[in-house]
Protein backbone atom coordinates (compact mmCIF):
# COMPACT_ATOMS: atom_id res chain seq x y z
CA MET A 1 -12.06 44.07 10.14
CA THR A 2 -15.71 43.63 12.69
CA LYS A 3 -19.08 43.60 11.02
CA LYS A 4 -21.41 45.85 12.52
CA LYS A 5 -24.26 43.76 14.11
CA ARG A 6 -27.91 44.42 11.86
CA THR A 7 -31.00 45.67 13.91
CA ALA A 8 -34.38 43.30 13.44
CA ALA A 9 -35.25 45.44 10.84
CA GLN A 10 -32.45 45.41 8.85
CA PHE A 11 -32.02 41.77 9.04
CA PHE A 12 -35.68 41.23 7.57
CA ASP A 13 -34.61 43.73 4.64
CA ASP A 14 -32.33 42.22 3.50
CA ALA A 15 -33.68 38.70 3.77
CA GLU A 16 -36.67 40.47 1.14
CA THR A 17 -33.81 41.95 -0.85
CA HIS A 18 -32.40 38.46 -1.45
CA GLY A 19 -36.45 37.50 -2.18
CA LEU A 20 -38.39 36.86 1.15
CA GLY A 21 -42.55 37.89 -0.02
CA PRO A 22 -44.99 38.62 1.66
CA LEU A 23 -46.72 36.05 3.81
CA MET A 24 -50.05 36.30 1.73
CA LYS A 25 -48.45 35.98 -1.71
CA THR A 26 -46.18 32.94 -0.97
CA ASP A 27 -46.43 29.71 -2.57
CA LEU A 28 -45.90 27.45 0.93
CA ASN A 29 -48.17 25.38 3.01
CA SER A 30 -49.23 23.90 5.92
CA ASP A 31 -47.93 20.35 5.19
CA LYS A 32 -45.86 18.34 7.84
CA VAL A 33 -42.09 18.08 6.84
CA SER A 34 -40.80 14.78 8.31
CA LYS A 35 -37.55 13.29 8.99
CA HIS A 36 -35.52 11.72 5.26
CA LEU A 37 -35.75 8.00 5.31
CA GLU A 38 -33.49 5.75 3.45
CA SER A 39 -34.49 4.09 0.57
CA GLY A 40 -34.73 0.28 2.30
CA THR A 41 -37.08 1.99 5.09
CA GLU A 42 -39.29 3.94 3.10
CA THR A 43 -39.79 0.43 0.92
CA ASN A 44 -41.05 -0.97 4.19
CA TYR A 45 -43.59 2.01 5.18
CA ALA A 46 -44.99 2.11 1.45
CA ARG A 47 -45.22 -1.51 2.16
CA MET A 48 -47.71 -1.48 5.01
CA LEU A 49 -49.25 1.66 3.70
CA VAL A 50 -50.27 -0.67 0.68
CA LEU A 51 -51.75 -3.45 2.82
CA TRP A 52 -53.93 -0.52 4.63
CA ASP A 53 -55.58 1.05 1.62
CA GLU A 54 -56.18 -2.30 0.56
CA TYR A 55 -57.88 -3.36 4.24
CA GLU A 56 -59.75 -0.10 4.09
CA ARG A 57 -60.63 -0.84 1.01
CA ARG A 58 -62.72 -4.05 1.91
CA ASN A 59 -63.23 -2.03 5.34
CA PRO A 60 -64.92 1.21 4.42
CA GLY A 61 -65.10 4.21 7.22
CA ALA A 62 -62.18 1.84 8.66
CA ILE A 63 -59.55 4.04 10.86
CA PRO A 64 -55.93 2.76 12.66
CA TYR A 65 -56.67 4.98 15.65
CA GLU A 66 -59.37 2.09 16.84
CA ARG A 67 -57.82 -0.47 18.92
CA LYS A 68 -60.76 -3.17 17.77
CA THR A 69 -60.12 -1.84 13.94
CA ALA A 70 -56.24 -1.73 15.07
CA LYS A 71 -56.51 -5.56 16.20
CA HIS A 72 -58.66 -6.83 12.97
CA PHE A 73 -55.71 -5.01 10.45
CA MET A 74 -52.84 -6.33 12.38
CA GLU A 75 -54.76 -10.21 12.42
CA GLY A 76 -55.10 -9.99 8.65
CA VAL A 77 -51.40 -9.40 8.42
CA VAL A 78 -50.34 -12.26 10.50
CA ARG A 79 -52.65 -14.52 8.64
CA GLY A 80 -51.45 -13.25 5.25
CA CYS A 81 -47.95 -14.70 6.15
CA CYS A 82 -49.01 -17.51 7.68
CA ALA A 83 -50.04 -18.27 3.85
CA GLY A 84 -46.63 -17.54 2.90
CA LYS A 85 -45.07 -19.00 5.62
CA LYS A 86 -45.48 -21.80 7.62
CA GLU A 87 -43.86 -20.23 10.91
CA PRO A 88 -44.06 -16.60 10.81
CA SER A 89 -42.09 -14.87 13.27
CA MET A 90 -43.35 -12.43 16.70
CA TYR A 91 -40.35 -10.13 16.19
CA THR A 92 -41.35 -9.74 12.15
CA MET A 93 -44.95 -8.79 13.10
CA LEU A 94 -43.81 -6.77 15.96
CA GLN A 95 -41.69 -4.80 13.42
CA LYS A 96 -44.55 -4.45 10.88
CA TRP A 97 -46.71 -2.97 12.91
CA THR A 98 -43.91 -0.61 14.24
CA ASP A 99 -43.25 -0.02 10.18
CA PHE A 100 -47.09 1.03 9.82
CA GLY A 101 -47.14 3.44 12.74
CA ALA A 102 -44.38 5.09 11.66
CA GLY A 103 -45.65 4.93 8.02
CA TRP A 104 -48.72 5.88 8.86
CA LYS A 105 -48.18 9.12 10.74
CA ARG A 106 -45.83 10.78 7.34
CA ARG A 107 -48.54 10.51 5.55
CA PRO A 108 -50.10 14.41 4.56
CA GLY A 109 -53.35 14.88 6.96
CA ASN A 110 -52.68 12.33 9.26
CA ASP A 111 -51.74 11.82 13.34
CA LYS A 112 -49.71 10.09 15.17
CA ILE A 113 -51.34 6.84 16.53
CA PRO A 114 -52.10 7.05 19.84
CA PRO A 115 -49.47 5.59 21.99
CA GLU A 116 -51.70 3.80 24.20
CA VAL A 117 -53.20 2.26 21.11
CA SER A 118 -49.92 1.57 19.63
CA GLU A 119 -48.15 0.00 22.73
CA SER A 120 -51.96 -1.61 23.35
CA ILE A 121 -51.37 -3.59 20.00
CA TYR A 122 -48.11 -4.16 20.57
CA PHE A 123 -48.68 -6.37 23.78
CA TYR A 124 -51.89 -8.15 21.45
CA ILE A 125 -49.15 -9.49 19.34
CA GLN A 126 -47.30 -10.47 21.58
CA THR A 127 -49.73 -12.90 23.36
CA GLU A 128 -52.88 -13.43 21.89
CA LEU A 129 -51.60 -13.48 18.19
CA ARG A 130 -48.57 -15.41 19.33
CA LYS A 131 -50.46 -17.95 21.07
CA LYS A 132 -53.75 -17.56 18.74
CA PHE A 133 -50.96 -18.62 15.34
CA GLY A 134 -48.17 -20.26 17.02
CA LEU A 135 -46.08 -17.05 15.88
CA SER A 136 -41.77 -18.25 16.53
CA THR A 137 -39.67 -16.58 19.20
CA THR A 138 -36.63 -17.94 18.57
CA ARG A 139 -34.32 -16.03 17.60
CA ARG A 140 -31.24 -16.41 15.23
CA THR A 141 -27.83 -18.37 16.77
CA ARG A 142 -25.39 -16.13 17.63
CA HIS A 143 -22.08 -16.60 14.94
CA PHE A 144 -18.74 -15.96 16.69
CA MET A 145 -16.27 -15.89 13.82
CA THR A 146 -12.97 -16.70 15.53
CA VAL A 147 -9.28 -16.42 15.20
CA ASN A 148 -9.50 -19.76 13.58
CA HIS A 149 -12.44 -19.46 11.67
CA PHE A 150 -10.97 -15.97 9.96
CA ALA A 151 -7.27 -18.42 8.90
CA ILE A 152 -9.77 -21.23 7.32
CA VAL A 153 -11.62 -18.55 6.18
CA ILE A 154 -8.50 -16.50 4.48
CA LYS A 155 -6.43 -19.52 3.14
CA HIS A 156 -9.41 -20.79 1.18
CA MET A 157 -9.56 -18.10 -0.58
CA TRP A 158 -6.19 -17.61 -1.48
CA LYS A 159 -5.13 -21.16 -1.18
CA LYS A 160 -8.05 -23.51 -1.85
CA ASP A 161 -11.18 -21.89 -3.69
CA TRP A 162 -11.63 -23.06 -7.19
CA HIS A 163 -13.69 -20.35 -7.63
CA GLN A 164 -12.31 -18.49 -11.44
CA TYR A 165 -13.48 -14.64 -10.31
CA ARG A 166 -13.77 -12.29 -13.25
CA HIS A 167 -10.73 -9.34 -12.03
CA GLY A 168 -8.00 -10.27 -9.66
CA ARG A 169 -9.38 -7.61 -8.18
CA ILE A 170 -12.11 -8.95 -6.27
CA LEU A 171 -10.52 -11.54 -4.10
CA VAL A 172 -8.19 -8.40 -2.84
CA GLN A 173 -11.26 -6.21 -2.37
CA ASP A 174 -12.58 -8.99 -0.39
CA HIS A 175 -9.10 -9.55 1.73
CA ALA A 176 -9.10 -5.95 2.71
CA ALA A 177 -13.00 -5.60 3.37
CA TYR A 178 -12.55 -8.90 5.56
CA MET A 179 -10.13 -6.86 7.39
CA LEU A 180 -12.09 -3.66 7.99
CA PHE A 181 -14.65 -6.07 9.24
CA ILE A 182 -12.59 -7.44 11.73
CA TYR A 183 -10.29 -4.16 12.91
CA SER A 184 -13.71 -2.21 13.04
CA SER A 185 -16.79 -4.43 13.91
CA ALA A 186 -18.46 -2.61 11.49
CA ARG A 187 -21.79 -3.61 9.00
CA VAL A 188 -21.29 -4.71 5.48
CA GLY A 189 -23.52 -1.98 4.28
CA GLU A 190 -20.77 0.77 6.55
CA TYR A 191 -18.42 -0.06 3.83
CA PHE A 192 -20.53 -1.40 0.71
CA GLU A 193 -24.22 -0.12 -0.79
CA SER A 194 -26.38 -1.05 2.03
CA ASN A 195 -29.78 -2.71 0.98
CA MET A 196 -31.69 -0.07 2.59
CA ARG A 197 -29.79 2.83 0.96
CA ARG A 198 -29.74 1.36 -2.89
CA GLY A 199 -28.99 3.85 -5.60
CA SER A 200 -26.95 6.10 -2.97
CA GLY A 201 -23.40 5.67 -2.91
CA ARG A 202 -22.89 5.65 -0.21
CA GLY A 203 -19.92 3.32 1.47
CA LEU A 204 -16.51 3.69 2.04
CA LEU A 205 -15.61 7.00 -0.39
CA TYR A 206 -12.08 7.93 -1.07
CA GLU A 207 -12.60 11.99 0.00
CA VAL A 208 -13.32 11.84 3.85
CA ASN A 209 -13.77 8.15 4.77
CA HIS A 210 -10.04 6.51 3.70
CA ARG A 211 -6.78 8.50 3.99
CA LEU A 212 -3.08 6.59 4.47
CA CYS A 213 -0.56 8.69 6.19
CA VAL A 214 2.94 7.91 7.40
CA PHE A 215 4.00 8.04 11.31
CA LYS A 216 6.97 8.24 13.36
CA ASN A 217 6.73 4.91 15.27
CA GLU A 218 7.81 3.82 19.05
CA ASN A 219 11.18 2.59 17.40
CA GLU A 220 10.95 5.79 15.86
CA LYS A 221 10.80 4.65 11.91
CA ALA A 222 7.89 5.23 9.51
CA GLU A 223 4.99 3.09 9.58
CA ILE A 224 2.06 3.67 7.48
CA GLY A 225 -0.69 4.13 9.36
CA VAL A 226 -4.95 4.18 7.72
CA ARG A 227 -7.95 5.83 8.61
CA VAL A 228 -11.39 4.68 8.00
CA THR A 229 -14.92 6.28 8.55
CA ARG A 230 -17.54 3.58 8.61
CA ASP A 231 -20.74 5.06 7.40
CA ALA A 232 -22.49 3.94 10.39
CA LYS A 233 -26.77 3.26 10.79
CA GLY A 234 -27.75 5.79 12.75
CA PHE A 235 -25.37 8.80 11.69
CA SER A 236 -27.02 10.04 8.37
CA GLU A 237 -27.94 13.60 9.74
CA THR A 238 -24.72 13.44 11.94
CA PRO A 239 -21.77 12.09 9.67
CA HIS A 240 -19.44 14.31 11.15
CA LYS A 241 -19.65 12.01 14.14
CA ARG A 242 -19.64 9.09 12.32
CA PRO A 243 -17.46 6.36 14.18
CA GLN A 244 -13.45 6.06 12.91
CA HIS A 245 -10.83 3.50 13.08
CA GLY A 246 -6.94 3.83 13.23
CA MET A 247 -4.77 0.40 11.41
CA TYR A 248 -1.37 0.53 10.81
CA GLU A 249 0.89 -1.83 9.10
CA ASP A 250 3.15 -3.49 11.59
CA MET A 251 1.40 -6.81 11.91
CA GLU A 252 1.95 -10.02 11.56
CA PRO A 253 1.44 -12.09 9.63
CA LEU A 254 0.71 -10.83 6.02
CA PHE A 255 -2.52 -11.95 5.58
CA ALA A 256 -3.67 -9.67 8.71
CA ASN A 257 -2.07 -6.97 7.37
CA PRO A 258 -5.20 -4.09 6.16
CA VAL A 259 -2.70 -1.66 4.76
CA LEU A 260 -1.22 -4.44 2.26
CA PRO A 261 -4.58 -4.80 0.24
CA LEU A 262 -5.39 -1.30 1.36
CA LEU A 263 -2.62 0.84 -0.16
CA ALA A 264 -2.80 -2.02 -2.89
CA ILE A 265 -6.24 -1.57 -4.57
CA ALA A 266 -5.74 2.88 -3.98
CA LEU A 267 -2.19 2.23 -5.97
CA ALA A 268 -3.99 0.30 -8.68
CA ASP A 269 -6.51 3.05 -8.38
CA HIS A 270 -3.82 5.88 -9.02
CA ALA A 271 -5.78 7.81 -5.98
CA PHE A 272 -2.59 9.57 -4.57
CA GLN A 273 -1.42 12.76 -5.89
CA ASP A 274 2.45 12.52 -4.89
CA TYR A 275 2.78 8.68 -5.14
CA THR A 276 3.03 6.18 -7.49
CA THR A 277 4.26 3.05 -6.41
CA PHE A 278 5.32 1.22 -2.88
CA GLU A 279 8.73 2.03 -3.07
CA GLU A 280 8.01 6.02 -3.52
CA ILE A 281 5.93 5.59 -0.24
CA GLU A 282 8.09 3.32 1.65
CA ALA A 283 10.96 5.56 0.95
CA ILE A 284 9.64 8.54 3.18
CA PRO A 285 11.69 9.38 6.08
CA PRO A 286 9.88 9.26 9.72
CA PRO A 287 8.30 12.52 10.39
CA ALA A 288 10.55 14.64 12.51
CA ASP A 289 8.28 16.65 15.09
CA GLY A 290 6.00 13.76 15.09
CA SER A 291 3.02 15.25 12.88
CA LEU A 292 1.85 12.75 10.27
CA HIS A 293 2.57 12.56 6.56
CA HIS A 294 -0.94 12.88 4.88
CA LEU A 295 -1.34 11.10 1.44
CA ARG A 296 -3.16 13.35 -0.75
CA ILE A 297 -5.74 12.02 -2.50
CA LYS A 298 -6.63 13.04 -6.19
CA LYS A 299 -9.60 15.32 -6.33
CA ASP A 300 -10.63 13.50 -9.45
CA ILE A 301 -11.80 10.40 -7.88
CA LEU A 302 -12.15 12.41 -4.37
CA ARG A 303 -16.24 10.67 -4.91
CA VAL A 304 -14.57 7.50 -6.45
CA PRO A 305 -16.07 4.47 -4.31
CA PHE A 306 -12.86 1.96 -2.22
CA PHE A 307 -15.34 -0.57 -2.62
CA GLN A 308 -15.91 -0.88 -6.77
CA MET A 309 -18.44 -3.20 -9.25
CA VAL A 310 -15.54 -4.84 -10.84
CA SER A 311 -16.29 -6.21 -14.93
CA VAL A 312 -13.60 -8.47 -16.97
CA ASP A 313 -11.30 -5.45 -18.11
CA ARG A 314 -11.14 -3.02 -14.80
CA PRO A 315 -13.27 -1.34 -12.12
CA THR A 316 -16.35 0.33 -12.86
CA GLY A 317 -16.00 3.20 -11.07
CA LYS A 318 -19.77 1.90 -8.84
CA ILE A 319 -19.91 1.07 -5.67
CA GLN A 320 -20.39 -2.51 -4.57
CA GLY A 321 -23.54 -3.38 -3.21
CA ALA A 322 -23.81 -5.54 0.19
CA GLY A 323 -26.03 -8.16 -2.06
CA SER A 324 -23.50 -8.63 -4.35
CA SER A 325 -19.81 -8.44 -2.68
CA ALA A 326 -18.93 -11.88 -2.84
CA ILE A 327 -17.65 -12.20 1.15
CA GLY A 328 -21.60 -13.07 1.51
CA GLN A 329 -21.03 -16.43 -0.65
CA TRP A 330 -18.82 -17.69 1.77
CA THR A 331 -22.01 -18.00 4.87
CA TRP A 332 -24.45 -15.69 6.15
CA ALA A 333 -22.09 -16.07 9.19
CA THR A 334 -19.37 -14.37 8.47
CA VAL A 335 -19.24 -11.11 8.41
CA PRO A 336 -21.83 -10.59 11.42
CA GLY A 337 -19.69 -13.19 13.62
CA THR A 338 -17.07 -11.40 13.00
CA ARG A 339 -18.95 -8.02 13.68
CA LYS A 340 -19.92 -9.83 17.15
CA THR A 341 -16.36 -11.66 17.82
CA SER A 342 -15.03 -8.28 17.42
CA ALA A 343 -16.76 -6.08 19.94
CA TYR A 344 -16.11 -8.93 22.20
CA MET A 345 -12.26 -9.32 22.53
CA THR A 346 -12.03 -5.85 22.30
CA PHE A 347 -14.47 -4.65 24.68
CA GLY A 348 -14.95 -8.38 26.95
CA GLY A 349 -17.73 -7.26 28.64
CA LYS A 350 -16.57 -4.13 29.87
CA HIS A 351 -17.88 -0.26 29.28
CA SER A 352 -16.47 2.24 30.99
CA SER A 353 -16.55 6.35 30.56
CA LYS A 354 -15.35 9.75 32.07
CA PRO A 355 -17.83 12.07 33.43
CA THR A 356 -16.04 12.10 36.58
CA PHE A 357 -12.53 13.78 34.74
CA ALA A 358 -14.41 16.31 32.31
CA GLY A 359 -16.63 17.78 35.36
CA HIS A 360 -19.57 16.07 33.36
CA ASN A 361 -23.16 15.46 35.17
CA ASN A 362 -24.30 13.09 32.48
CA ALA A 363 -21.68 10.40 30.92
CA ASP A 364 -23.34 11.34 27.44
CA THR A 365 -22.15 14.84 27.39
CA PHE A 366 -18.96 13.65 26.82
CA PHE A 367 -19.26 11.30 23.89
CA GLY A 368 -21.87 13.86 22.48
CA SER A 369 -19.42 16.69 22.93
CA TYR A 370 -16.28 15.94 23.52
CA ALA A 371 -14.86 12.58 22.88
CA PRO A 372 -13.67 11.78 19.75
CA GLU A 373 -15.04 10.52 17.02
CA LEU A 374 -11.84 8.28 16.08
CA SER A 375 -11.93 5.29 17.83
CA THR A 376 -9.27 4.48 20.18
CA VAL A 377 -10.21 1.19 20.42
CA ASP A 378 -6.94 -1.30 19.14
CA GLY A 379 -8.89 -3.52 16.61
CA MET A 380 -5.85 -5.42 15.42
CA ALA A 381 -4.43 -5.94 18.51
CA SER A 382 -7.87 -6.40 20.10
CA TYR A 383 -8.38 -9.17 17.46
CA TRP A 384 -5.17 -11.02 17.61
CA ASN A 385 -4.87 -9.82 21.80
CA LYS A 386 -1.38 -8.34 21.45
CA LYS A 387 -0.43 -5.33 23.09
CA ARG A 388 -2.25 -2.38 22.85
CA ARG A 389 -1.42 0.38 20.71
CA THR A 390 -1.96 4.07 20.38
CA VAL A 391 1.63 5.88 18.27
CA HIS A 392 -1.02 6.19 15.24
CA LEU A 393 -4.27 7.68 16.92
CA GLU A 394 -2.08 11.00 18.41
CA GLY A 395 -1.37 11.75 14.49
CA PHE A 396 -5.11 10.82 13.33
CA ARG A 397 -6.83 12.52 16.29
CA GLY A 398 -5.47 15.57 14.75
CA LEU A 399 -5.61 14.99 11.43
CA SER A 400 -7.25 17.80 10.04
CA LEU A 401 -4.74 20.08 11.07
CA HIS A 402 -2.32 19.46 8.00
CA HIS A 403 1.30 20.32 8.74
CA HIS A 404 4.07 20.93 6.11
CA PRO A 405 7.07 22.33 6.78
CA GLN A 406 8.07 23.90 3.41
CA LEU A 407 4.51 25.29 2.67
CA LEU A 408 4.77 28.74 1.23
CA GLN A 409 4.57 31.51 3.33
CA SER A 410 4.61 34.43 0.49
CA LEU A 411 4.60 34.60 -2.98
CA PRO A 412 7.31 34.51 -5.62
CA ALA A 413 8.47 37.46 -6.62
CA LYS A 414 6.92 37.32 -10.23
CA VAL A 415 3.69 36.52 -9.30
CA GLU A 416 3.91 39.30 -6.13
CA ALA A 417 4.86 41.94 -9.34
CA ASP A 418 1.92 40.27 -11.21
CA LEU A 419 -0.30 40.83 -9.18
CA ASP A 420 0.79 44.24 -7.77
CA ASN A 421 -0.15 44.98 -11.54
CA CYS A 422 -3.79 43.31 -12.01
CA SER A 423 -7.21 45.40 -12.72
CA ASP A 424 -8.02 44.92 -8.60
CA PHE A 425 -5.54 45.43 -6.90
CA ILE A 426 -4.71 48.53 -8.79
CA SER A 427 -8.09 50.30 -8.06
CA VAL A 428 -7.74 49.32 -4.63
CA ASN A 429 -4.03 51.06 -4.50
CA GLN A 430 -5.66 53.84 -6.52
CA GLU A 431 -8.59 54.25 -3.82
CA ILE A 432 -6.65 53.97 -0.67
CA ASP A 433 -4.64 57.01 -1.75
CA MET A 434 -7.24 58.96 -2.73
CA LEU A 435 -8.85 58.42 0.75
CA GLY A 436 -5.21 58.92 2.70
CA LYS A 437 -5.53 62.28 0.89
CA LYS A 438 -8.53 63.32 1.82
CA LEU A 439 -7.87 61.88 5.39
CA ARG A 440 -5.50 64.58 5.47
CA GLY A 441 -7.92 67.37 4.21
CA VAL A 442 -11.24 66.36 6.60
CA THR A 443 -12.01 68.78 9.43
CA THR A 444 -14.93 66.97 11.07
CA ASP A 445 -14.27 63.64 13.53
CA ASP A 446 -17.45 61.95 11.76
CA GLU A 447 -16.03 62.65 8.68
CA ALA A 448 -13.04 60.99 9.39
CA GLN A 449 -14.00 58.08 11.08
CA SER A 450 -16.12 57.07 8.22
CA VAL A 451 -12.49 57.46 5.39
CA ARG A 452 -10.53 55.63 8.60
CA ALA A 453 -13.94 53.19 8.32
CA ARG A 454 -13.35 52.70 4.53
CA LEU A 455 -9.47 52.50 4.68
CA GLU A 456 -9.51 49.13 6.59
CA GLU A 457 -12.25 47.76 3.91
CA LEU A 458 -9.50 48.59 1.15
CA TYR A 459 -6.36 46.83 3.50
CA TRP A 460 -8.73 44.12 4.66
CA ARG A 461 -9.28 43.55 0.93
CA LYS A 462 -6.04 44.14 -0.16
CA ARG A 463 -4.86 40.96 2.19
CA GLN A 464 -7.40 38.88 1.06
CA LEU A 465 -6.51 39.55 -2.68
CA VAL A 466 -2.76 38.61 -1.40
CA SER A 467 -4.25 35.25 0.45
CA GLU A 468 -6.47 34.43 -2.49
CA GLU A 469 -3.50 33.98 -4.16
CA LEU A 470 -0.99 32.34 -1.63
CA GLY A 471 -3.95 29.57 -0.95
CA LYS A 472 -3.55 29.26 -4.51
CA TRP A 473 0.14 28.74 -5.00
CA GLN A 474 0.09 26.36 -1.89
CA GLN A 475 -2.46 24.64 -3.35
CA ILE A 476 0.03 23.58 -5.90
CA GLN A 477 3.31 23.50 -4.64
CA PRO A 478 4.51 19.67 -4.25
CA ARG A 479 4.12 17.16 -1.30
CA LYS A 480 6.68 14.95 -1.92
CA VAL A 481 8.44 13.57 0.89
CA ALA A 482 12.23 13.99 -0.55
CA SER A 483 14.06 15.07 2.42
CA ASP A 484 13.61 15.19 6.25
CA THR A 485 14.99 18.45 6.58
CA GLU A 486 13.15 21.24 6.85
CA ASP A 487 14.89 23.90 5.73
CA GLU A 488 14.97 22.52 2.14
CA ALA A 489 14.04 25.09 -0.60
CA PRO A 490 10.89 23.75 -2.63
CA GLN A 491 10.69 24.26 -6.05
CA VAL A 492 8.38 27.31 -6.81
CA ALA A 493 10.01 29.83 -4.11
CA SER A 494 12.12 29.94 -1.08
CA LEU A 495 11.09 30.30 2.76
CA PRO A 496 12.36 33.39 4.11
CA ASN A 497 13.70 31.74 7.42
CA PHE A 498 15.69 35.46 9.43
CA PHE A 499 15.93 33.83 12.57
CA ASN A 500 18.89 31.25 11.32
CA ARG A 501 20.65 34.58 9.57
CA ILE A 502 20.63 36.76 13.14
CA ARG A 503 20.36 33.84 15.78
CA ARG A 504 24.15 34.61 16.70
CA LEU A 505 23.90 38.30 17.11
CA ASP A 506 20.96 37.41 19.68
CA PRO A 507 22.81 34.20 22.05
CA PRO A 508 20.37 33.18 24.60
CA ARG A 509 17.37 32.74 21.84
CA ASP A 510 19.98 31.10 20.44
CA ARG A 511 21.06 28.68 23.13
CA LEU A 512 17.10 28.06 23.68
CA ALA A 513 16.46 27.42 20.08
CA SER A 514 19.07 24.81 20.60
CA SER A 515 18.71 23.24 23.74
CA LEU A 516 14.93 23.97 23.95
CA PHE A 517 13.82 20.61 22.42
CA LEU A 518 16.47 18.39 24.35
CA ASP A 519 15.40 15.45 26.76
CA ALA A 520 16.54 16.38 29.91
CA PRO A 521 15.89 17.54 33.21
CA LEU A 522 14.77 20.83 34.75
CA ARG A 523 17.45 20.55 37.15
CA SER A 524 20.01 18.75 34.92
CA ALA A 525 22.77 20.74 33.63
CA GLN A 526 21.53 21.42 30.36
CA GLY A 527 18.06 22.45 32.14
CA ARG A 528 19.97 25.03 34.65
CA ALA A 529 21.03 26.76 31.25
CA TRP A 530 18.22 26.70 29.38
CA ARG A 531 16.32 28.56 32.57
CA THR A 532 19.25 31.06 32.58
CA SER A 533 19.11 31.61 28.41
CA GLU A 534 15.34 32.05 28.98
CA TYR A 535 15.21 33.73 31.92
CA ASP A 536 17.94 36.51 29.56
CA HIS A 537 16.04 35.96 26.48
CA VAL A 538 12.59 37.49 28.18
CA VAL A 539 14.09 40.54 30.46
CA ARG A 540 16.64 41.76 27.42
CA ARG A 541 15.01 45.13 26.26
CA GLU A 542 16.39 44.76 23.15
CA SER A 543 13.96 42.53 20.73
CA ALA A 544 15.25 40.12 17.92
CA SER A 545 13.13 42.30 15.90
CA SER A 546 15.47 45.35 16.45
CA LEU A 547 18.17 43.13 16.61
CA SER A 548 16.46 42.05 12.57
CA SER A 549 16.71 45.38 11.75
CA LYS A 550 20.34 46.64 13.24
CA PHE A 551 20.95 43.39 10.71
CA ALA A 552 19.38 44.34 7.90
CA ALA A 553 20.85 47.40 7.81
């Protein structure tokens, strides 16, 4: 039923009905509202503002809008840092000035520092302060964790490490994390809780960031795939655009296989609704229609982090912080080096886009509005210099459209009878009967239109009641794959399949149903028969629905 468009007056009448009061009586103020900050960023801003407050106390009347004042303040910051460091970095001082400017304009009543002043102080640090205090311009050496380095680290973890872990899960989690860092070029704080987001609980969660599925590979066999979503930097306000990465089980040697540790952790957490062992998942047949069989996660652990802090006895359920990860204990360069190596080996310094094909003048339009969030890069194959695979990516891109061949399409008879006798359903049916009798006696068009409109609302409500009840049964319907056939009856109710009962009465459609899915050229014998059957089916006046009625009669 189409909803009538409201006028502007009706719109605000509804708003006032829902609590909107007059402007003169509102408790709102004129304060500026700023973008939400991560806790770590807020801390950095606050540190610089504390320094300014002390500077202002010592220099009454100072304001950062004047170049002289701003220069003197930053010189004091540099001198204070020199007292604590032998050779402070110029880039650290530039960042401190940036943090101060960003924090200053967020304070109520403060205006943004003029760009000409801000830019001038930036160059003042780069030139005069750098020379005056010998600020270092040296950057950290870039480290690249090669395949050989990775093999050495893993062998050390599993074969040579003398450290006694509190719990065996810690080592498996570290192994799994290394897999994710290598194959997705992620930062530590994108799967663990970042130091800049302390207390947020953000990282790799079971809810949407971690999916396991079974797909049919190139050899027509079942294969397990994993899709992970990185809680990447800069995507806090647009979580639907966070980068996603698909991985698969067909990778040798075993230590390079990401599915092995990821699946082991999920099974240990009893994460799946329908499966509890490796053997049950391994027994899942390849989906016949090329879709993915999604291993559903239990609702009570959707918000549980995948990488958890672990006590002596068990995982605590709290997300592991980036600073507490055992990965960082090997060497500070391992994870950043893994990220750099993965990115370099994947892209090789090349970048391409498809604005011409999509008809875009701006290349960013494709990535901002059309490109899927799932990365098409095969990070596993790139890292190990193997042939790129894409069979698992197509399924992951369509993962939001779930397919369940045995999904209930109608209510079980007992449930349908109970629904017919519920109070809401009875009241709707009674009003429909009353309006039906009233419609037969109306004499004016306006009155008849009003009655029909109300009838449409009631029929819509009736359909909604059935749909809601069916949705509940679909949610509790088991989805554990026990067979490869689509005709197997579910446990709670039988599926109607009228076509199989009447297809012999409609030969053209019967032939189409049998030959439409054959791999044959259009000009082959099968193709010719297909075209004839399709033509016959299109031009025939007697439809399958009428045949169904004859058969039922």
